[in-house]
Amino acid sequence: MDRSKVVAYLTGAIALILGIGYLILVQFLDMRGEMIPAPIIELTPIVDRVFEGFHLQGFWSLH
């Protein structure tokens, strides 16, 4: 068997393994139940605390 046929069979086998693995993963994730969105929280106090003392005017000025 030439080398090109071996490479073709090998890449085909890898593609089949990846495809079947992907289908199994999707089925597993789908079995977990209904997707519930994350809770919505107010981020303003957190953002204010992170950027406390950081002045955008001084950051953007070029002089």
C-alpha atoms as a PDB file:
ATOM      1  CA  MET A   1       0.000   0.000   0.000  1.00  0.00           C
ATOM      2  CA  ASP A   2       1.423   3.404  -0.853  1.00  0.00           C
ATOM      3  CA  ARG A   3       1.995   6.024   1.692  1.00  0.00           C
ATOM      4  CA  SER A   4      -0.791   8.313   0.379  1.00  0.00           C
ATOM      5  CA  LYS A   5      -3.399   5.598   0.960  1.00  0.00           C
ATOM      6  CA  VAL A   6      -2.176   5.015   4.499  1.00  0.00           C
ATOM      7  CA  VAL A   7      -2.374   8.741   5.216  1.00  0.00           C
ATOM      8  CA  ALA A   8      -5.872   8.885   3.718  1.00  0.00           C
ATOM      9  CA  TYR A   9      -7.100   5.963   5.840  1.00  0.00           C
ATOM     10  CA  LEU A  10      -5.481   7.407   8.953  1.00  0.00           C
ATOM     11  CA  THR A  11      -7.002  10.875   8.505  1.00  0.00           C
ATOM     12  CA  GLY A  12     -10.387   9.313   7.721  1.00  0.00           C
ATOM     13  CA  ALA A  13     -10.239   7.249  10.907  1.00  0.00           C
ATOM     14  CA  ILE A  14      -9.272  10.328  12.948  1.00  0.00           C
ATOM     15  CA  ALA A  15     -12.148  12.297  11.419  1.00  0.00           C
ATOM     16  CA  LEU A  16     -14.615   9.510  12.257  1.00  0.00           C
ATOM     17  CA  ILE A  17     -13.341   9.276  15.843  1.00  0.00           C
ATOM     18  CA  LEU A  18     -13.626  13.046  16.302  1.00  0.00           C
ATOM     19  CA  GLY A  19     -17.113  13.095  14.773  1.00  0.00           C
ATOM     20  CA  ILE A  20     -18.405  10.267  16.948  1.00  0.00           C
ATOM     21  CA  GLY A  21     -16.784  11.829  20.024  1.00  0.00           C
ATOM     22  CA  TYR A  22     -18.471  15.141  19.238  1.00  0.00           C
ATOM     23  CA  LEU A  23     -21.877  13.474  18.893  1.00  0.00           C
ATOM     24  CA  ILE A  24     -21.409  11.667  22.211  1.00  0.00           C
ATOM     25  CA  LEU A  25     -20.386  14.926  23.915  1.00  0.00           C
ATOM     26  CA  VAL A  26     -23.414  16.776  22.536  1.00  0.00           C
ATOM     27  CA  GLN A  27     -25.759  14.012  23.668  1.00  0.00           C
ATOM     28  CA  PHE A  28     -24.219  14.048  27.145  1.00  0.00           C
ATOM     29  CA  LEU A  29     -24.550  17.811  27.442  1.00  0.00           C
ATOM     30  CA  ASP A  30     -28.126  17.669  26.151  1.00  0.00           C
ATOM     31  CA  MET A  31     -29.136  15.108  28.796  1.00  0.00           C
ATOM     32  CA  ARG A  32     -28.259  17.480  31.639  1.00  0.00           C
ATOM     33  CA  GLY A  33     -31.646  19.163  31.421  1.00  0.00           C
ATOM     34  CA  GLU A  34     -33.019  22.589  30.739  1.00  0.00           C
ATOM     35  CA  MET A  35     -30.570  25.444  30.419  1.00  0.00           C
ATOM     36  CA  ILE A  36     -31.260  28.081  33.047  1.00  0.00           C
ATOM     37  CA  PRO A  37     -29.785  31.534  32.425  1.00  0.00           C
ATOM     38  CA  ALA A  38     -27.363  32.989  34.917  1.00  0.00           C
ATOM     39  CA  PRO A  39     -28.813  35.368  37.484  1.00  0.00           C
ATOM     40  CA  ILE A  40     -28.695  39.043  36.576  1.00  0.00           C
ATOM     41  CA  ILE A  41     -26.951  41.190  39.171  1.00  0.00           C
ATOM     42  CA  GLU A  42     -26.251  44.868  39.362  1.00  0.00           C
ATOM     43  CA  LEU A  43     -22.618  45.332  38.269  1.00  0.00           C
ATOM     44  CA  THR A  44     -22.322  49.074  38.847  1.00  0.00           C
ATOM     45  CA  PRO A  45     -20.951  48.862  42.435  1.00  0.00           C
ATOM     46  CA  ILE A  46     -18.406  46.231  41.376  1.00  0.00           C
ATOM     47  CA  VAL A  47     -17.260  48.241  38.349  1.00  0.00           C
ATOM     48  CA  ASP A  48     -17.039  51.409  40.444  1.00  0.00           C
ATOM     49  CA  ARG A  49     -14.877  49.631  42.995  1.00  0.00           C
ATOM     50  CA  VAL A  50     -12.538  48.180  40.354  1.00  0.00           C
ATOM     51  CA  PHE A  51     -11.999  51.499  38.574  1.00  0.00           C
ATOM     52  CA  GLU A  52     -11.868  53.609  41.737  1.00  0.00           C
ATOM     53  CA  GLY A  53      -9.192  56.291  41.337  1.00  0.00           C
ATOM     54  CA  PHE A  54      -8.825  55.632  37.610  1.00  0.00           C
ATOM     55  CA  HIS A  55      -9.590  58.848  35.710  1.00  0.00           C
ATOM     56  CA  LEU A  56     -10.475  58.392  32.062  1.00  0.00           C
ATOM     57  CA  GLN A  57      -9.839  62.038  31.236  1.00  0.00           C
ATOM     58  CA  GLY A  58      -6.210  61.749  32.347  1.00  0.00           C
ATOM     59  CA  PHE A  59      -5.866  58.410  30.615  1.00  0.00           C
ATOM     60  CA  TRP A  60      -7.040  59.641  27.208  1.00  0.00           C
ATOM     61  CA  SER A  61      -5.344  63.033  27.164  1.00  0.00           C
ATOM     62  CA  LEU A  62      -2.190  63.286  25.098  1.00  0.00           C
ATOM     63  CA  HIS A  63      -0.556  66.298  26.695  1.00  0.00           C
END
